[in-house]
Structure formats: C-alpha cells, structure tokens
Amino acid sequence: MIKTILSIEDDSVTQMLNRIELEDSHFCEHLEEAWNGEVAIKYFEDLKKEEDGLLHVPEIILLDLNMPVMDGWEFLELFQVRYPEFAEKTKIFILSSSINPSDREKANSEQLVAGFLSKPLDEFELKILKNACITL
C-alpha cells in the first residue's frame, strides 16, 4: 500500500472526488492536499526543514496543470530544481482535464512524469495508477 499521496488541485469538487476514490479503494494511508503549486512548494519546504523529511516524502504526486498562482508546469520545473532529493523518491502523475495534445506530449517528455491521467480519478484511472506503481 502507498503511504502518502499529495494531490495538487485547485478545484474543490475534484479534490473531494479524488479523496473519495482513494479512500474507498484503500489505495493509500494518507492523502495530503495542496490547492496550487505554490502551496505544494511550501509543503516541500516544510519537509526539507524536518530532520527526517525524506522519510515523509509522498510516493505519488497527482498534479493538475491549470491552476491559479502557480500552475502544474511551473511547480514541476521548480520541484526538479529545488528538491532533487525528493524528486528521486516520488512518482508524479499529471491528473488533468486537458484535451490539448501538446499537454500530453509535454508530460510524456518530462523525465519526472510517470503518467498522464484524466480527472477526476475513477476506477479506470485508479487501475492505471496501481499498475504504474507496482514497483513502489
């Protein structure tokens, strides 16, 4: 079982639906939520300050692309630069409603991105996520 997932999503309905799906499936022990990329960066800043922060890094990040303040692409870029030690220990999945093919292409070209899923999480998307995380 996955210990921790960080969901970075600005839409409260999507956050709620994702939470329900993850809890009902018992996919993870803890679900952390950030409402945009900036809040997520603060989350990792706080982890970095902890003596045992590396032990608490989420195994999975579910990342929305289109958010105010700091979008998913900006978060991804900053995360790679500031937190390489955390990036090594987590898998990032884009979780987006984008139908723009360039978003999927860009996600596939990003080394840190493990997959591109459609939001909100449902049984089908969760199965894809489970299969991708078999090695965790």
Protein backbone atom coordinates (compact mmCIF):
# COMPACT_ATOMS: atom_id res chain seq x y z
CA MET A 1 0.00 0.00 0.00
CA ILE A 2 1.12 3.52 -0.78
CA LYS A 3 1.83 5.50 2.38
CA THR A 4 1.27 9.08 1.17
CA ILE A 5 -0.16 10.82 -1.89
CA LEU A 6 -0.02 14.57 -2.44
CA SER A 7 -2.87 15.89 -4.59
CA ILE A 8 -2.15 19.31 -6.11
CA GLU A 9 -5.51 20.51 -7.39
CA ASP A 10 -7.33 23.85 -7.22
CA ASP A 11 -10.86 22.55 -7.78
CA SER A 12 -12.52 21.54 -4.52
CA VAL A 13 -15.02 19.18 -6.20
CA THR A 14 -12.21 17.32 -7.97
CA GLN A 15 -10.22 17.17 -4.70
CA MET A 16 -13.27 15.70 -2.96
CA LEU A 17 -13.93 13.12 -5.73
CA ASN A 18 -10.26 12.09 -5.76
CA ARG A 19 -10.28 11.78 -1.96
CA ILE A 20 -13.40 9.59 -2.01
CA GLU A 21 -11.97 7.32 -4.72
CA LEU A 22 -8.63 6.94 -2.92
CA GLU A 23 -10.25 6.33 0.48
CA ASP A 24 -12.86 3.87 -0.84
CA SER A 25 -10.18 1.86 -2.61
CA HIS A 26 -7.80 1.95 0.40
CA PHE A 27 -5.08 2.94 -2.06
CA CYS A 28 -3.02 4.97 0.40
CA GLU A 29 -2.68 5.57 4.12
CA HIS A 30 -2.53 9.39 3.91
CA LEU A 31 -3.75 11.93 1.41
CA GLU A 32 -2.27 15.40 1.55
CA GLU A 33 -3.88 18.21 -0.44
CA ALA A 34 -2.43 21.39 -1.89
CA TRP A 35 -4.63 23.92 -3.67
CA ASN A 36 -1.97 25.11 -6.14
CA GLY A 37 1.70 24.72 -6.95
CA GLU A 38 2.77 27.40 -4.50
CA VAL A 39 1.08 25.63 -1.59
CA ALA A 40 2.77 22.39 -2.70
CA ILE A 41 6.19 24.10 -2.77
CA LYS A 42 5.55 25.29 0.81
CA TYR A 43 4.71 21.67 1.73
CA PHE A 44 8.10 20.54 0.41
CA GLU A 45 9.89 23.47 2.07
CA ASP A 46 8.44 22.31 5.39
CA LEU A 47 9.52 18.72 4.66
CA LYS A 48 13.03 19.88 3.84
CA LYS A 49 13.29 21.55 7.25
CA GLU A 50 12.37 18.33 9.05
CA GLU A 51 15.24 16.18 10.21
CA ASP A 52 13.61 13.08 8.76
CA GLY A 53 11.81 14.84 5.88
CA LEU A 54 12.99 12.31 3.31
CA LEU A 55 11.06 9.63 5.18
CA HIS A 56 7.80 11.55 4.71
CA VAL A 57 8.01 12.36 1.01
CA PRO A 58 4.82 11.36 -0.80
CA GLU A 59 5.35 8.33 -3.01
CA ILE A 60 2.89 9.81 -5.51
CA ILE A 61 2.03 13.34 -6.56
CA LEU A 62 -1.20 13.89 -8.51
CA LEU A 63 -0.62 17.16 -10.35
CA ASP A 64 -3.22 19.33 -12.06
CA LEU A 65 -1.88 21.51 -14.85
CA ASN A 66 -4.18 24.53 -14.91
CA MET A 67 -4.22 26.28 -11.56
CA PRO A 68 -4.01 29.89 -10.40
CA VAL A 69 -0.97 31.28 -8.56
CA MET A 70 1.41 28.53 -9.76
CA ASP A 71 0.33 26.04 -12.39
CA GLY A 72 1.43 22.44 -12.69
CA TRP A 73 4.21 23.10 -15.20
CA GLU A 74 5.69 25.83 -13.01
CA PHE A 75 5.51 23.53 -9.99
CA LEU A 76 7.20 20.70 -11.88
CA GLU A 77 10.06 22.92 -13.00
CA LEU A 78 10.65 24.36 -9.53
CA PHE A 79 10.29 20.96 -7.84
CA GLN A 80 13.03 19.46 -10.04
CA VAL A 81 15.43 22.30 -9.30
CA ARG A 82 14.81 22.82 -5.58
CA TYR A 83 14.10 19.29 -4.38
CA PRO A 84 16.06 16.72 -6.40
CA GLU A 85 16.35 14.53 -3.30
CA PHE A 86 12.53 14.41 -3.06
CA ALA A 87 12.08 14.01 -6.82
CA GLU A 88 14.05 10.76 -6.66
CA LYS A 89 11.58 9.31 -4.16
CA THR A 90 8.25 10.18 -5.78
CA LYS A 91 6.30 9.47 -8.93
CA ILE A 92 4.41 12.36 -10.47
CA PHE A 93 1.21 11.76 -12.39
CA ILE A 94 -0.44 14.56 -14.30
CA LEU A 95 -4.13 14.46 -13.44
CA SER A 96 -5.82 16.82 -15.85
CA SER A 97 -8.98 17.50 -17.81
CA SER A 98 -6.87 18.99 -20.61
CA ILE A 99 -7.65 17.67 -24.08
CA ASN A 100 -4.77 19.62 -25.58
CA PRO A 101 -2.44 17.05 -27.23
CA SER A 102 0.57 19.26 -26.51
CA ASP A 103 -0.03 18.88 -22.75
CA ARG A 104 0.14 15.09 -23.05
CA GLU A 105 3.22 15.32 -25.30
CA LYS A 106 4.97 17.68 -22.90
CA ALA A 107 4.09 15.42 -19.95
CA ASN A 108 5.48 12.40 -21.78
CA SER A 109 8.74 14.26 -22.43
CA GLU A 110 9.21 15.17 -18.76
CA GLN A 111 11.51 12.70 -17.03
CA LEU A 112 9.75 13.10 -13.67
CA VAL A 113 6.26 12.45 -15.04
CA ALA A 114 5.26 8.80 -14.67
CA GLY A 115 1.91 9.14 -16.45
CA PHE A 116 -0.97 11.29 -17.65
CA LEU A 117 -4.41 10.56 -16.19
CA SER A 118 -7.82 12.13 -16.76
CA LYS A 119 -9.50 13.73 -13.80
CA PRO A 120 -11.21 13.08 -11.59
CA LEU A 121 -9.83 9.73 -10.50
CA ASP A 122 -12.23 6.90 -11.18
CA GLU A 123 -11.96 3.13 -11.11
CA PHE A 124 -10.30 3.02 -14.54
CA GLU A 125 -7.74 5.75 -13.76
CA LEU A 126 -7.01 4.20 -10.39
CA LYS A 127 -6.28 0.87 -12.08
CA ILE A 128 -3.78 2.61 -14.37
CA LEU A 129 -2.23 4.30 -11.34
CA LYS A 130 -1.97 0.99 -9.47
CA ASN A 131 -0.31 -0.72 -12.43
CA ALA A 132 2.20 2.10 -12.79
CA CYS A 133 3.06 1.93 -9.08
CA ILE A 134 3.62 -1.80 -8.80
CA THR A 135 7.29 -1.16 -8.12
CA LEU A 136 6.62 1.14 -5.13
